[in-house]
Amino acid sequence: MTSFYERAILPRLLTCACGSPAIMRQRARLVPQAHGRVLELGVGGGLNLAFYDPSRVDYVTGIDPSPQLRNRASAAPRSPNLRVAIEAGEAEALPFADHSFDSVVCTFTLCSVRDPAAALAEARRVLAPGGDFYFCEHGLSPEPGVARWQTRLDPLWSRLAGGCHLNRPVADSITAAGFRLGSVEKAYLPKTPRFAGWNEWGAAQTKLSRAPNSG
């Protein structure tokens, strides 16, 4: 059973924190690139929905394990021409067939899933060959001093922030999951504490299936 804090307070805190001006600018950069059949991992309060381009997207399926956040996502602003379905689910065990999506969008989600490697493996599984994985995540700083503080603060931060972790690597984890990284940008978010502000964003691709040899 979830606590009152998890049911009533945490969803509002997460929506507020994840809706900061710096983070919303990152969403506005990344999300419009999604195309075709789109899966959003950890749709949360639906803050990305306003940024999808209906002329590029067939539909968006957003999953999240939190009923409170799913309710917020269902009411979140979006284009009236955007087809959206909000469903219960966890990134580590997606309830979809192989190759079901052309794009997977993952923003500020890998920090809080129980098993990032499993979530990334599932994202690869449901993407069509040549599909795109769009990500924008905070994580482990490349600066040793900042990284040490992230590790020190992580146990307390995780308890207060719904399982969010400060010190998970981003691009390296995506590469280790078998994706081919395309363009990746990295920087500290402005007006954000450095221990929580290291951000990596960009796109990665699944490998195209090889055509069978002829002759």
Protein backbone atom coordinates (compact mmCIF):
# COMPACT_ATOMS: atom_id res chain seq x y z
CA MET A 1 0.00 0.00 0.00
CA THR A 2 1.34 3.44 -0.91
CA SER A 3 1.70 6.16 1.71
CA PHE A 4 -0.19 9.45 1.83
CA TYR A 5 3.04 11.18 0.76
CA GLU A 6 3.34 8.92 -2.32
CA ARG A 7 -0.34 9.29 -3.24
CA ALA A 8 -1.06 12.95 -2.58
CA ILE A 9 2.17 14.93 -2.25
CA LEU A 10 4.83 13.27 -4.39
CA PRO A 11 2.91 13.47 -7.73
CA ARG A 12 2.53 17.22 -7.30
CA LEU A 13 6.16 17.67 -6.31
CA LEU A 14 7.37 15.64 -9.28
CA THR A 15 5.15 17.52 -11.74
CA CYS A 16 6.37 20.83 -10.35
CA ALA A 17 10.06 19.85 -10.38
CA CYS A 18 9.87 18.27 -13.83
CA GLY A 19 8.06 21.35 -15.13
CA SER A 20 10.82 23.83 -14.29
CA PRO A 21 11.64 26.29 -17.10
CA ALA A 22 15.02 24.65 -17.79
CA ILE A 23 13.50 21.19 -18.10
CA MET A 24 10.57 22.39 -20.20
CA ARG A 25 13.03 23.93 -22.67
CA GLN A 26 14.69 20.52 -22.97
CA ARG A 27 11.34 18.87 -23.63
CA ALA A 28 10.57 21.45 -26.31
CA ARG A 29 13.88 20.63 -28.06
CA LEU A 30 13.52 16.88 -28.02
CA VAL A 31 9.89 15.77 -28.17
CA PRO A 32 8.91 17.32 -31.56
CA GLN A 33 11.41 14.96 -33.24
CA ALA A 34 9.28 11.89 -32.39
CA HIS A 35 7.50 10.32 -35.34
CA GLY A 36 5.13 7.55 -36.34
CA ARG A 37 3.89 5.23 -33.61
CA VAL A 38 5.28 6.68 -30.39
CA LEU A 39 5.74 5.13 -26.98
CA GLU A 40 6.55 7.41 -24.06
CA LEU A 41 8.20 5.72 -21.10
CA GLY A 42 7.19 7.20 -17.76
CA VAL A 43 4.65 9.66 -19.13
CA GLY A 44 4.27 11.06 -15.60
CA GLY A 45 2.02 14.09 -15.49
CA GLY A 46 1.97 14.41 -19.28
CA LEU A 47 4.34 17.36 -19.54
CA ASN A 48 5.62 16.19 -22.94
CA LEU A 49 2.23 15.90 -24.58
CA ALA A 50 2.03 19.56 -25.57
CA PHE A 51 5.24 19.23 -27.62
CA TYR A 52 4.38 16.35 -29.96
CA ASP A 53 3.85 17.34 -33.59
CA PRO A 54 0.56 15.77 -34.78
CA SER A 55 1.71 16.04 -38.40
CA ARG A 56 4.61 13.66 -37.62
CA VAL A 57 2.95 11.36 -35.10
CA ASP A 58 0.36 8.64 -35.72
CA TYR A 59 -0.40 8.30 -32.01
CA VAL A 60 1.27 8.45 -28.61
CA THR A 61 1.00 5.69 -26.03
CA GLY A 62 2.18 6.81 -22.62
CA ILE A 63 2.82 4.38 -19.79
CA ASP A 64 3.36 5.00 -16.10
CA PRO A 65 2.96 2.85 -12.97
CA SER A 66 1.44 5.69 -10.91
CA PRO A 67 -2.36 6.07 -11.14
CA GLN A 68 -2.10 9.58 -9.73
CA LEU A 69 0.33 10.66 -12.44
CA ARG A 70 -1.68 8.90 -15.15
CA ASN A 71 -4.73 10.92 -14.11
CA ARG A 72 -2.70 14.08 -14.48
CA ALA A 73 -1.42 12.97 -17.89
CA SER A 74 -4.95 12.26 -19.11
CA ALA A 75 -5.88 15.88 -18.42
CA ALA A 76 -2.61 17.46 -19.60
CA PRO A 77 -2.69 19.96 -22.50
CA ARG A 78 -2.00 18.64 -25.99
CA SER A 79 -3.04 19.33 -29.58
CA PRO A 80 -6.64 18.32 -30.29
CA ASN A 81 -5.27 16.47 -33.33
CA LEU A 82 -2.95 14.28 -31.27
CA ARG A 83 -4.15 10.75 -30.56
CA VAL A 84 -3.08 9.77 -27.04
CA ALA A 85 -3.60 6.68 -24.89
CA ILE A 86 -2.41 6.65 -21.27
CA GLU A 87 -1.87 3.15 -19.90
CA ALA A 88 -0.63 1.46 -16.74
CA GLY A 89 2.73 -0.18 -17.16
CA GLU A 90 6.36 -0.39 -16.13
CA ALA A 91 9.32 0.28 -18.40
CA GLU A 92 11.00 -2.96 -17.35
CA ALA A 93 8.10 -5.13 -18.60
CA LEU A 94 6.31 -3.40 -21.45
CA PRO A 95 2.94 -4.91 -22.40
CA PHE A 96 3.55 -4.53 -26.16
CA ALA A 97 4.63 -6.83 -28.98
CA ASP A 98 8.07 -6.67 -30.55
CA HIS A 99 8.59 -3.86 -33.09
CA SER A 100 5.36 -2.07 -32.13
CA PHE A 101 6.71 1.51 -32.27
CA ASP A 102 8.72 3.79 -34.52
CA SER A 103 9.84 6.09 -31.71
CA VAL A 104 10.37 5.72 -27.98
CA VAL A 105 10.58 8.91 -25.92
CA CYS A 106 12.27 8.75 -22.53
CA THR A 107 12.61 11.99 -20.54
CA PHE A 108 13.69 12.10 -16.89
CA THR A 109 12.65 8.47 -16.48
CA LEU A 110 15.82 6.33 -16.43
CA CYS A 111 16.74 8.00 -13.14
CA SER A 112 13.77 6.42 -11.37
CA VAL A 113 13.09 3.02 -12.96
CA ARG A 114 14.06 0.03 -10.82
CA ASP A 115 16.32 -1.50 -13.49
CA PRO A 116 17.59 0.85 -16.23
CA ALA A 117 19.20 -1.98 -18.22
CA ALA A 118 15.91 -3.91 -18.32
CA ALA A 119 13.99 -0.77 -19.31
CA LEU A 120 16.40 -0.05 -22.16
CA ALA A 121 16.26 -3.67 -23.32
CA GLU A 122 12.48 -3.43 -23.45
CA ALA A 123 12.68 -0.16 -25.39
CA ARG A 124 14.88 -1.89 -27.97
CA ARG A 125 12.50 -4.83 -28.16
CA VAL A 126 9.39 -2.76 -28.93
CA LEU A 127 11.11 -0.47 -31.43
CA ALA A 128 10.89 -1.33 -35.11
CA PRO A 129 14.24 -1.97 -36.86
CA GLY A 130 15.81 1.41 -37.46
CA GLY A 131 13.51 3.02 -34.89
CA ASP A 132 14.55 6.01 -32.82
CA PHE A 133 15.06 6.27 -29.07
CA TYR A 134 14.83 9.92 -27.98
CA PHE A 135 16.18 10.63 -24.52
CA CYS A 136 16.73 13.52 -22.15
CA GLU A 137 17.95 12.47 -18.71
CA HIS A 138 19.79 13.84 -15.71
CA GLY A 139 22.51 11.66 -14.26
CA LEU A 140 26.10 11.12 -13.24
CA SER A 141 28.29 14.19 -13.66
CA PRO A 142 31.68 13.79 -15.40
CA GLU A 143 33.25 15.97 -12.71
CA PRO A 144 34.65 13.76 -9.91
CA GLY A 145 33.83 16.28 -7.18
CA VAL A 146 30.22 16.63 -8.26
CA ALA A 147 29.91 12.88 -8.75
CA ARG A 148 31.08 12.25 -5.19
CA TRP A 149 28.39 14.57 -3.85
CA GLN A 150 25.79 12.84 -6.03
CA THR A 151 26.73 9.51 -4.48
CA ARG A 152 26.62 10.92 -0.96
CA LEU A 153 23.21 12.54 -1.45
CA ASP A 154 21.63 9.76 -3.50
CA PRO A 155 20.14 7.63 -0.66
CA LEU A 156 18.25 10.58 0.87
CA TRP A 157 17.34 12.07 -2.51
CA SER A 158 15.94 8.75 -3.70
CA ARG A 159 13.67 8.41 -0.67
CA LEU A 160 12.29 11.94 -1.04
CA ALA A 161 12.01 11.97 -4.83
CA GLY A 162 10.07 8.79 -5.54
CA GLY A 163 13.04 6.55 -6.33
CA CYS A 164 14.89 9.10 -8.49
CA HIS A 165 18.67 8.56 -8.50
CA LEU A 166 21.31 11.24 -9.01
CA ASN A 167 24.26 9.11 -10.07
CA ARG A 168 23.18 6.89 -12.93
CA PRO A 169 25.16 7.18 -16.19
CA VAL A 170 23.04 8.14 -19.19
CA ALA A 171 24.65 7.79 -22.63
CA ASP A 172 26.91 4.96 -21.49
CA SER A 173 23.88 2.97 -20.31
CA ILE A 174 22.12 3.49 -23.63
CA THR A 175 25.17 2.32 -25.57
CA ALA A 176 25.56 -0.70 -23.27
CA ALA A 177 21.96 -1.66 -24.07
CA GLY A 178 22.88 -2.09 -27.74
CA PHE A 179 21.70 1.20 -29.19
CA ARG A 180 23.76 3.15 -31.71
CA LEU A 181 24.12 6.72 -30.44
CA GLY A 182 23.50 9.52 -32.89
CA SER A 183 23.71 13.16 -31.83
CA VAL A 184 24.20 13.61 -28.09
CA GLU A 185 24.49 16.87 -26.18
CA LYS A 186 25.64 17.24 -22.59
CA ALA A 187 25.52 20.19 -20.19
CA TYR A 188 24.48 21.36 -16.77
CA LEU A 189 20.96 22.76 -16.79
CA PRO A 190 20.89 26.48 -15.96
CA LYS A 191 19.64 27.59 -12.54
CA THR A 192 19.81 24.00 -11.29
CA PRO A 193 22.07 22.69 -8.49
CA ARG A 194 25.03 20.95 -10.10
CA PHE A 195 24.43 17.72 -8.17
CA ALA A 196 21.03 17.45 -9.89
CA GLY A 197 21.70 19.38 -13.08
CA TRP A 198 23.92 17.25 -15.31
CA ASN A 199 21.82 16.55 -18.41
CA GLU A 200 22.40 14.37 -21.49
CA TRP A 201 20.00 14.37 -24.43
CA GLY A 202 19.79 13.22 -28.01
CA ALA A 203 18.79 10.24 -30.13
CA ALA A 204 19.87 6.64 -30.53
CA GLN A 205 18.83 4.06 -33.08
CA THR A 206 18.14 0.37 -33.19
CA LYS A 207 20.12 -1.59 -35.74
CA LEU A 208 18.52 -2.18 -39.11
CA SER A 209 17.82 -5.79 -39.96
CA ARG A 210 20.07 -7.15 -42.67
CA ALA A 211 18.47 -8.37 -45.85
CA PRO A 212 19.01 -12.08 -46.43
CA ASN A 213 21.87 -12.95 -48.76
CA SER A 214 20.79 -13.58 -52.33
CA GLY A 215 22.11 -16.24 -54.68
